[in-house]
Amino acid sequence: MARTPYVGGNWKMNTDRASAEALAAEVALGVVPGVEVAIFPPFPYLIPVGEAVLGADARAAAQREGARPLVKLGAQDCYFEKNGAFTGEVSPEMLSDCAVQSVLTGHSERRHVLGEPDELVNRKTRAVLDAGLGCVLCIGERLDERKTGQTDAVNERQLRAGLSGVAPEQMSRVVVAYEPVWAIGTGVVATPADAQDAHANIRALLADLYSPAIAASTRIIYGGSLKPSNAAEILAQPDVDGGLVGGASLKAADFLAIVQAAARRHR
């Protein structure tokens, strides 16, 4: 089944307003057809980044025949309540009001730096989907878990927990991101074969949780230090449907090179 590639740029706690706007505009002007692209800036810059994307897209459409793909605006996190006395938190409804279309849940840094357990990841995932937004659910093992052969067991636990209570009809708005934690920010990257093996097992688990049809249509993307030098080989794997990009998403040329590699993989 043909799956539209998905490439997300997670800017994490980087950029200032001016550089965020400039980066967003450059990405929006450079995206190619055939790939769903999303950028995830820090919370304070969501509105100006969204405006920069819209302005760049409108300019590109006016200069060329046919509308160019619109880069989607994403948020790096949210809380699971709609409103209330939750100082410092941001609800999915607030994000939607800022034109956000997709939200990350379960990112490895939320799990392992900030201590979010599976149950909290699930509550956030369900809140995002119940608000009508897209969700990129992140799963993946730490180095010690990989060394002891627990990759598939960790992915299964996190996926089952993260999708608990998610209805089959909501799965069209879910992207699963496999993040081998040992390959994030370390310079160590999973081999294409490693990535394919993990993704194939995740897809088999989705078939067990839902159905073969949902498993075949759900996009599973790779999120472990993806960059222009390794993107083509990793994205060529049959069960790798794109990437969640960290450091390389902060340079438009590098990020767009990964987008182009995803487009070539699916031609």
Protein backbone atom coordinates (compact mmCIF):
# COMPACT_ATOMS: atom_id res chain seq x y z
CA MET A 1 0.00 0.00 0.00
CA ALA A 2 1.41 3.40 -0.95
CA ARG A 3 2.00 5.64 2.06
CA THR A 4 2.74 9.34 1.68
CA PRO A 5 6.15 10.01 3.27
CA TYR A 6 6.15 12.13 6.41
CA VAL A 7 9.13 14.25 7.48
CA GLY A 8 8.94 16.25 10.69
CA GLY A 9 11.45 18.79 11.96
CA ASN A 10 11.66 18.92 15.76
CA TRP A 11 13.44 22.16 16.65
CA LYS A 12 13.42 21.32 20.37
CA MET A 13 14.51 24.25 22.59
CA ASN A 14 16.33 26.10 19.83
CA THR A 15 15.97 29.26 17.69
CA ASP A 16 14.82 32.75 18.59
CA ARG A 17 11.85 34.46 16.96
CA ALA A 18 13.77 35.94 14.02
CA SER A 19 15.67 32.75 13.19
CA ALA A 20 12.53 30.64 13.62
CA GLU A 21 10.57 32.77 11.17
CA ALA A 22 13.43 32.74 8.66
CA LEU A 23 13.92 28.97 8.94
CA ALA A 24 10.19 28.31 8.53
CA ALA A 25 9.95 30.49 5.45
CA GLU A 26 12.99 28.88 3.83
CA VAL A 27 11.63 25.39 4.47
CA ALA A 28 8.20 26.33 3.09
CA LEU A 29 9.74 27.70 -0.09
CA GLY A 30 11.87 24.59 -0.63
CA VAL A 31 9.57 21.65 0.02
CA VAL A 32 8.83 19.28 -2.84
CA PRO A 33 5.59 17.54 -3.82
CA GLY A 34 4.78 14.09 -2.58
CA VAL A 35 5.94 14.49 1.03
CA GLU A 36 3.96 15.60 4.08
CA VAL A 37 6.20 18.00 5.95
CA ALA A 38 5.71 19.35 9.47
CA ILE A 39 7.83 21.60 11.65
CA PHE A 40 7.70 21.66 15.44
CA PRO A 41 9.01 24.99 16.81
CA PRO A 42 9.13 25.98 20.48
CA PHE A 43 5.80 27.09 21.97
CA PRO A 44 6.53 30.87 22.00
CA TYR A 45 7.09 30.90 18.24
CA LEU A 46 4.12 28.86 17.05
CA ILE A 47 2.08 31.82 15.80
CA PRO A 48 4.89 33.74 14.04
CA VAL A 49 6.22 30.52 12.52
CA GLY A 50 2.75 29.61 11.28
CA GLU A 51 2.42 33.05 9.71
CA ALA A 52 5.86 32.75 8.10
CA VAL A 53 4.90 29.40 6.58
CA LEU A 54 1.63 30.75 5.20
CA GLY A 55 3.33 33.80 3.73
CA ALA A 56 6.07 31.78 2.08
CA ASP A 57 3.60 29.28 0.67
CA ALA A 58 1.42 32.04 -0.78
CA ARG A 59 4.44 33.68 -2.42
CA ALA A 60 5.59 30.40 -3.92
CA ALA A 61 2.13 29.62 -5.27
CA ALA A 62 1.94 33.04 -6.90
CA GLN A 63 5.32 32.54 -8.60
CA ARG A 64 4.76 29.05 -9.95
CA GLU A 65 2.00 27.12 -11.63
CA GLY A 66 0.02 25.12 -9.13
CA ALA A 67 0.02 25.44 -5.38
CA ARG A 68 3.09 24.22 -3.56
CA PRO A 69 2.78 21.86 -0.60
CA LEU A 70 1.96 23.61 2.65
CA VAL A 71 4.24 22.87 5.56
CA LYS A 72 2.18 21.82 8.56
CA LEU A 73 2.64 23.47 11.93
CA GLY A 74 3.30 21.14 14.84
CA ALA A 75 3.79 21.42 18.59
CA GLN A 76 6.38 19.56 20.63
CA ASP A 77 4.09 18.68 23.55
CA CYS A 78 0.75 19.38 25.22
CA TYR A 79 -1.23 18.62 28.36
CA PHE A 80 -4.19 16.28 28.41
CA GLU A 81 -6.76 18.60 30.00
CA LYS A 82 -8.77 21.15 28.02
CA ASN A 83 -8.37 23.92 30.61
CA GLY A 84 -7.99 24.49 34.34
CA ALA A 85 -5.48 25.22 37.09
CA PHE A 86 -2.45 23.69 35.37
CA THR A 87 0.16 26.44 35.52
CA GLY A 88 2.57 26.37 32.61
CA GLU A 89 0.71 23.75 30.60
CA VAL A 90 -0.83 24.08 27.13
CA SER A 91 -3.93 22.21 25.98
CA PRO A 92 -4.56 20.67 22.55
CA GLU A 93 -7.44 23.12 22.11
CA MET A 94 -5.08 26.06 22.67
CA LEU A 95 -2.68 24.61 20.14
CA SER A 96 -5.49 24.19 17.62
CA ASP A 97 -6.37 27.84 18.18
CA CYS A 98 -2.79 28.67 17.16
CA ALA A 99 -3.29 26.75 13.86
CA VAL A 100 -1.28 23.74 15.06
CA GLN A 101 -2.15 20.59 13.13
CA SER A 102 0.00 17.95 14.76
CA VAL A 103 1.54 17.26 18.18
CA LEU A 104 4.45 15.09 19.34
CA THR A 105 3.76 12.74 22.22
CA GLY A 106 6.15 10.41 24.02
CA HIS A 107 9.35 11.94 22.66
CA SER A 108 12.38 10.28 24.24
CA GLU A 109 13.40 13.50 25.97
CA ARG A 110 9.96 13.80 27.52
CA ARG A 111 10.16 10.18 28.66
CA HIS A 112 13.77 9.94 29.81
CA VAL A 113 14.81 13.51 30.67
CA LEU A 114 11.53 14.79 32.07
CA GLY A 115 10.26 11.47 33.40
CA GLU A 116 6.94 11.03 31.59
CA PRO A 117 5.53 7.52 32.14
CA ASP A 118 3.58 5.50 29.58
CA GLU A 119 0.25 6.40 31.18
CA LEU A 120 0.86 10.14 30.77
CA VAL A 121 1.98 9.66 27.17
CA ASN A 122 -1.28 7.81 26.51
CA ARG A 123 -3.44 10.51 28.09
CA LYS A 124 -1.73 13.14 25.96
CA THR A 125 -2.07 11.02 22.82
CA ARG A 126 -5.79 10.52 23.35
CA ALA A 127 -6.30 14.20 24.16
CA VAL A 128 -4.54 15.24 20.94
CA LEU A 129 -6.65 12.89 18.84
CA ASP A 130 -9.88 13.77 20.63
CA ALA A 131 -9.16 17.42 19.78
CA GLY A 132 -9.07 16.49 16.08
CA LEU A 133 -5.31 16.97 15.68
CA GLY A 134 -2.70 14.68 14.22
CA CYS A 135 -0.35 12.87 16.60
CA VAL A 136 3.23 11.70 16.17
CA LEU A 137 3.65 9.04 18.86
CA CYS A 138 7.30 8.39 19.64
CA ILE A 139 8.62 5.09 20.94
CA GLY A 140 12.08 3.56 21.26
CA GLU A 141 14.63 1.82 23.44
CA ARG A 142 17.61 3.06 25.45
CA LEU A 143 21.15 1.76 24.92
CA ASP A 144 21.03 -0.61 27.91
CA GLU A 145 17.75 -2.05 26.64
CA ARG A 146 19.20 -2.54 23.17
CA LYS A 147 22.29 -4.28 24.56
CA THR A 148 20.09 -6.73 26.47
CA GLY A 149 17.92 -7.54 23.45
CA GLN A 150 14.84 -5.66 24.60
CA THR A 151 14.26 -3.48 21.53
CA ASP A 152 11.06 -5.17 20.39
CA ALA A 153 9.74 -5.63 23.93
CA VAL A 154 10.21 -1.93 24.76
CA ASN A 155 8.61 -0.85 21.49
CA GLU A 156 5.68 -3.18 22.09
CA ARG A 157 5.12 -1.92 25.64
CA GLN A 158 5.29 1.72 24.64
CA LEU A 159 3.11 1.26 21.54
CA ARG A 160 0.42 -0.74 23.34
CA ALA A 161 0.36 1.77 26.19
CA GLY A 162 0.47 4.82 23.93
CA LEU A 163 -2.42 3.63 21.76
CA SER A 164 -4.58 2.27 24.58
CA GLY A 165 -8.08 3.60 24.04
CA VAL A 166 -7.29 5.01 20.58
CA ALA A 167 -10.12 4.04 18.23
CA PRO A 168 -9.42 2.45 14.83
CA GLU A 169 -10.96 5.46 13.05
CA GLN A 170 -8.46 7.76 14.79
CA MET A 171 -5.44 5.86 13.49
CA SER A 172 -5.48 7.75 10.18
CA ARG A 173 -4.22 10.73 12.20
CA VAL A 174 -1.44 8.80 13.96
CA VAL A 175 2.16 8.63 12.82
CA VAL A 176 4.46 6.34 14.81
CA ALA A 177 8.06 7.53 15.21
CA TYR A 178 10.66 4.92 16.11
CA GLU A 179 13.41 6.67 18.06
CA PRO A 180 16.32 4.48 19.11
CA VAL A 181 17.32 6.61 22.10
CA TRP A 182 20.94 5.49 21.85
CA ALA A 183 21.12 7.07 18.39
CA ILE A 184 19.81 10.54 19.31
CA GLY A 185 22.43 13.24 19.63
CA THR A 186 25.21 10.67 19.96
CA GLY A 187 26.39 10.47 16.39
CA VAL A 188 25.56 6.74 16.42
CA VAL A 189 22.91 5.75 13.90
CA ALA A 190 21.00 2.53 13.49
CA THR A 191 21.90 0.72 10.30
CA PRO A 192 19.26 0.62 7.58
CA ALA A 193 18.74 -3.05 8.44
CA ASP A 194 18.27 -2.20 12.13
CA ALA A 195 15.70 0.45 11.27
CA GLN A 196 13.82 -1.82 8.88
CA ASP A 197 13.70 -4.67 11.39
CA ALA A 198 12.27 -2.44 14.14
CA HIS A 199 9.76 -0.82 11.78
CA ALA A 200 8.59 -4.18 10.40
CA ASN A 201 7.99 -5.46 13.93
CA ILE A 202 6.09 -2.29 14.83
CA ARG A 203 3.90 -2.72 11.75
CA ALA A 204 3.20 -6.33 12.69
CA LEU A 205 2.18 -5.17 16.16
CA LEU A 206 -0.20 -2.59 14.65
CA ALA A 207 -1.82 -5.40 12.68
CA ASP A 208 -2.33 -7.29 15.93
CA LEU A 209 -3.66 -4.23 17.77
CA TYR A 210 -5.97 -3.09 14.95
CA SER A 211 -6.00 -4.78 11.56
CA PRO A 212 -3.69 -5.56 8.64
CA ALA A 213 -5.28 -2.69 6.70
CA ILE A 214 -4.57 -0.14 9.45
CA ALA A 215 -1.04 -1.51 9.82
CA ALA A 216 -0.47 -1.16 6.09
CA SER A 217 -1.69 2.44 6.00
CA THR A 218 -0.04 3.77 9.19
CA ARG A 219 3.18 5.64 8.60
CA ILE A 220 6.16 4.61 10.73
CA ILE A 221 9.03 7.08 10.61
CA TYR A 222 12.62 6.89 11.84
CA GLY A 223 13.91 9.35 14.44
CA GLY A 224 17.54 8.63 15.30
CA SER A 225 20.03 11.26 14.08
CA LEU A 226 18.70 11.30 10.54
CA LYS A 227 20.75 13.59 8.30
CA PRO A 228 21.44 14.13 4.59
CA SER A 229 24.35 11.69 4.58
CA ASN A 230 22.30 8.71 5.75
CA ALA A 231 18.73 9.65 4.83
CA ALA A 232 18.57 8.04 1.38
CA GLU A 233 19.71 4.62 2.58
CA ILE A 234 17.48 4.55 5.66
CA LEU A 235 14.43 5.95 3.86
CA ALA A 236 14.83 3.35 1.11
CA GLN A 237 13.73 0.61 3.53
CA PRO A 238 10.22 -0.66 2.74
CA ASP A 239 8.76 -0.04 6.20
CA VAL A 240 10.44 3.34 6.81
CA ASP A 241 7.96 6.02 5.77
CA GLY A 242 9.95 9.15 6.57
CA GLY A 243 11.76 10.69 9.48
CA LEU A 244 11.54 12.78 12.62
CA VAL A 245 14.54 15.06 12.32
CA GLY A 246 16.27 16.82 15.20
CA GLY A 247 19.52 18.70 14.71
CA ALA A 248 19.43 18.58 10.92
CA SER A 249 16.04 20.34 10.93
CA LEU A 250 17.70 23.55 12.19
CA LYS A 251 19.41 24.06 8.83
CA ALA A 252 16.96 24.45 5.97
CA ALA A 253 19.33 22.97 3.39
CA ASP A 254 19.92 19.83 5.45
CA PHE A 255 16.25 19.39 6.29
CA LEU A 256 15.16 19.90 2.70
CA ALA A 257 17.74 17.36 1.54
CA ILE A 258 16.06 14.79 3.79
CA VAL A 259 12.64 15.79 2.44
CA GLN A 260 13.96 15.31 -1.10
CA ALA A 261 15.37 11.89 -0.17
CA ALA A 262 11.92 10.89 1.13
CA ALA A 263 10.32 12.09 -2.10
CA ARG A 264 12.75 10.09 -4.24
CA ARG A 265 12.18 6.97 -2.17
CA HIS A 266 8.46 6.99 -3.01
CA ARG A 267 8.56 7.84 -6.71
